[in-house]
Amino acid sequence: QVKANGELVDGVAAYLDFDPAKLGVNSVTPATNWNGKTAIVLPGTSLDNVTGQINFSAGILGDTATGNFTIATINFIAKAASASTNISFHFAPPPSRNTDITSLGNSALNTATGASVTVTGAGGVSVSINAPSNVTAGSNFTASVDISGITNFDATNYDVSFNTAILRLDDATDGNI
């Protein structure tokens, strides 16, 4: 989000860095309406989930915007648990990846605030066998294989082993995914 504080904004270059082992980017959706002014995304805008970089540039041709407005919405996915991981703006001498805001073509950036993200519950995939802890000799019981901690799951193969001198498998059925 840009907080123009009275500046006449005509361009934004936002270069973000993140740890690709901990975060990934699903999408970057540019906002093309900056307080009623039409913004266009400029060439060179890209994202790289391998290096952990987002390069975003947009501007208004022949006009300016003021006030507070969103320049883009970024959808991240948490990949690994982390006490803290940063999403930070990158600054380097032009023409490199230099975050900036322009007002009538001149640099007008005062501050840029990144984010620190804590990722919890990213323990990975868990596979467990859910069965009664005690059964009576000669009785039947059901055991299930439970898989959790995964999305977009559509198939798996696994082996279950047991002591055939103690247990007998009577039936196996397909599960639900």
Protein backbone atom coordinates (compact mmCIF):
# COMPACT_ATOMS: atom_id res chain seq x y z
CA GLN A 1 0.00 0.00 0.00
CA VAL A 2 1.17 3.51 -0.79
CA LYS A 3 0.53 6.32 1.69
CA ALA A 4 1.26 9.35 -0.47
CA ASN A 5 1.00 11.97 2.30
CA GLY A 6 0.23 14.74 -0.19
CA GLU A 7 2.77 13.63 -2.81
CA LEU A 8 1.63 13.39 -6.43
CA VAL A 9 2.55 9.75 -7.16
CA ASP A 10 3.10 8.67 -10.77
CA GLY A 11 5.21 5.52 -10.31
CA VAL A 12 6.04 2.72 -7.92
CA ALA A 13 8.85 0.19 -8.02
CA ALA A 14 8.54 -2.43 -5.28
CA TYR A 15 11.28 -5.06 -5.07
CA LEU A 16 10.61 -7.63 -2.36
CA ASP A 17 12.81 -10.41 -0.99
CA PHE A 18 11.61 -13.48 0.94
CA ASP A 19 13.05 -16.83 2.04
CA PRO A 20 11.90 -19.34 -0.61
CA ALA A 21 12.46 -22.24 1.80
CA LYS A 22 9.81 -20.81 4.12
CA LEU A 23 7.43 -18.91 1.82
CA GLY A 24 6.23 -19.16 -1.74
CA VAL A 25 4.19 -16.77 -3.85
CA ASN A 26 1.00 -18.05 -5.45
CA SER A 27 0.13 -14.81 -7.21
CA VAL A 28 0.76 -11.09 -7.53
CA THR A 29 -2.39 -9.19 -8.48
CA PRO A 30 -1.76 -5.60 -9.57
CA ALA A 31 -4.21 -2.90 -8.53
CA THR A 32 -4.92 -0.83 -11.62
CA ASN A 33 -7.05 1.82 -9.88
CA TRP A 34 -5.01 4.20 -7.76
CA ASN A 35 -7.71 6.44 -6.25
CA GLY A 36 -9.54 6.78 -9.54
CA LYS A 37 -6.41 6.98 -11.69
CA THR A 38 -5.58 4.13 -14.10
CA ALA A 39 -2.22 2.50 -13.41
CA ILE A 40 -0.41 0.14 -15.75
CA VAL A 41 2.05 -2.61 -14.87
CA LEU A 42 5.44 -1.92 -16.42
CA PRO A 43 7.78 -4.36 -18.20
CA GLY A 44 10.15 -6.22 -15.90
CA THR A 45 7.50 -7.14 -13.36
CA SER A 46 8.14 -10.73 -12.26
CA LEU A 47 8.24 -13.18 -9.40
CA ASP A 48 10.78 -15.92 -8.72
CA ASN A 49 10.00 -18.58 -6.10
CA VAL A 50 13.48 -20.09 -6.51
CA THR A 51 15.43 -16.95 -5.54
CA GLY A 52 12.66 -15.46 -3.35
CA GLN A 53 12.18 -12.24 -5.31
CA ILE A 54 9.24 -10.16 -6.47
CA ASN A 55 9.96 -7.35 -8.94
CA PHE A 56 6.95 -5.06 -9.38
CA SER A 57 6.73 -1.77 -11.25
CA ALA A 58 3.65 0.23 -12.16
CA GLY A 59 2.78 3.78 -13.03
CA ILE A 60 0.29 6.32 -14.28
CA LEU A 61 1.01 7.89 -17.64
CA GLY A 62 0.36 11.62 -17.81
CA ASP A 63 -1.37 11.84 -14.42
CA THR A 64 -0.78 11.35 -10.68
CA ALA A 65 -2.53 9.81 -7.67
CA THR A 66 -2.62 10.99 -4.06
CA GLY A 67 -3.84 9.59 -0.76
CA ASN A 68 -3.59 5.95 0.30
CA PHE A 69 -3.97 3.18 -2.28
CA THR A 70 -3.04 -0.44 -2.89
CA ILE A 71 -0.55 -1.12 -5.67
CA ALA A 72 -0.73 -4.93 -5.62
CA THR A 73 -1.99 -7.86 -3.58
CA ILE A 74 0.46 -10.71 -3.03
CA ASN A 75 -0.79 -14.18 -2.09
CA PHE A 76 1.87 -16.20 -0.21
CA ILE A 77 1.89 -19.84 0.85
CA ALA A 78 3.65 -20.90 4.05
CA LYS A 79 6.05 -23.74 3.23
CA ALA A 80 7.93 -24.48 6.47
CA ALA A 81 7.59 -23.68 10.15
CA SER A 82 9.70 -20.74 11.21
CA ALA A 83 10.03 -18.65 14.35
CA SER A 84 10.26 -15.66 12.03
CA THR A 85 10.89 -14.98 8.37
CA ASN A 86 11.06 -11.59 6.70
CA ILE A 87 9.46 -10.09 3.63
CA SER A 88 11.63 -7.08 2.97
CA PHE A 89 11.98 -4.30 0.43
CA HIS A 90 15.19 -4.40 -1.56
CA PHE A 91 17.26 -1.25 -2.09
CA ALA A 92 20.18 -1.05 -4.50
CA PRO A 93 21.60 1.72 -6.65
CA PRO A 94 19.60 2.20 -9.89
CA PRO A 95 19.16 0.56 -12.31
CA SER A 96 19.29 -2.48 -10.00
CA ARG A 97 16.41 -3.65 -7.83
CA ASN A 98 15.77 -0.33 -6.11
CA THR A 99 12.44 0.15 -4.33
CA ASP A 100 11.15 3.66 -4.93
CA ILE A 101 8.08 5.86 -5.39
CA THR A 102 8.16 8.69 -7.89
CA SER A 103 6.37 12.01 -7.79
CA LEU A 104 6.43 13.74 -11.17
CA GLY A 105 9.38 11.54 -12.11
CA ASN A 106 11.48 12.31 -9.01
CA SER A 107 12.16 10.00 -6.07
CA ALA A 108 9.65 10.62 -3.27
CA LEU A 109 10.01 7.53 -1.06
CA ASN A 110 10.23 8.34 2.63
CA THR A 111 9.93 4.91 4.28
CA ALA A 112 9.20 1.33 3.22
CA THR A 113 8.08 -1.16 5.84
CA GLY A 114 8.40 -4.89 5.23
CA ALA A 115 6.90 -7.67 7.33
CA SER A 116 8.00 -10.40 9.69
CA VAL A 117 5.96 -13.58 9.45
CA THR A 118 5.76 -16.48 11.91
CA VAL A 119 4.75 -19.78 10.32
CA THR A 120 3.21 -22.29 12.72
CA GLY A 121 1.87 -25.79 12.29
CA ALA A 122 3.92 -26.57 9.22
CA GLY A 123 5.09 -29.94 10.50
CA GLY A 124 4.76 -31.72 7.18
CA VAL A 125 2.72 -34.75 6.21
CA SER A 126 1.69 -37.14 8.97
CA VAL A 127 0.69 -40.78 8.40
CA SER A 128 -0.69 -42.78 11.31
CA ILE A 129 -2.61 -45.97 11.95
CA ASN A 130 -5.69 -45.44 14.08
CA ALA A 131 -6.64 -48.68 15.90
CA PRO A 132 -7.99 -49.63 19.33
CA SER A 133 -5.27 -49.97 21.96
CA ASN A 134 -6.87 -53.14 23.43
CA VAL A 135 -8.97 -55.88 21.79
CA THR A 136 -10.24 -59.26 22.97
CA ALA A 137 -8.74 -62.39 21.39
CA GLY A 138 -11.03 -63.68 18.62
CA SER A 139 -12.86 -60.35 18.15
CA ASN A 140 -12.92 -58.18 15.05
CA PHE A 141 -11.78 -54.56 14.97
CA THR A 142 -11.15 -51.86 12.39
CA ALA A 143 -7.93 -49.96 11.88
CA SER A 144 -7.63 -46.95 9.58
CA VAL A 145 -4.66 -45.27 7.94
CA ASP A 146 -4.96 -41.52 8.51
CA ILE A 147 -2.98 -38.98 6.46
CA SER A 148 -2.93 -35.28 7.39
CA GLY A 149 -0.96 -32.10 6.75
CA ILE A 150 -1.33 -32.12 2.98
CA THR A 151 -3.52 -30.33 0.44
CA ASN A 152 -4.36 -31.27 -3.16
CA PHE A 153 -3.87 -34.92 -2.24
CA ASP A 154 -5.24 -37.40 -4.77
CA ALA A 155 -3.35 -40.74 -4.45
CA THR A 156 -0.81 -42.66 -2.42
CA ASN A 157 0.83 -46.05 -2.02
CA TYR A 158 1.89 -47.41 1.34
CA ASP A 159 2.64 -50.75 3.01
CA VAL A 160 1.29 -51.83 6.37
CA SER A 161 3.05 -54.68 8.14
CA PHE A 162 1.93 -56.65 11.20
CA ASN A 163 2.70 -59.89 13.07
CA THR A 164 0.66 -62.58 11.28
CA ALA A 165 1.01 -64.93 14.27
CA ILE A 166 -1.12 -62.46 16.29
CA LEU A 167 -3.36 -60.70 13.71
CA ARG A 168 -5.23 -61.80 10.61
CA LEU A 169 -6.36 -59.39 7.87
CA ASP A 170 -9.95 -60.17 6.86
CA ASP A 171 -10.70 -57.25 4.58
CA ALA A 172 -9.24 -54.02 3.18
CA THR A 173 -11.37 -51.26 1.65
CA ASP A 174 -10.60 -48.09 -0.27
CA GLY A 175 -10.47 -44.96 1.80
CA ASN A 176 -11.74 -41.45 1.13
CA ILE A 177 -9.52 -38.69 -0.10
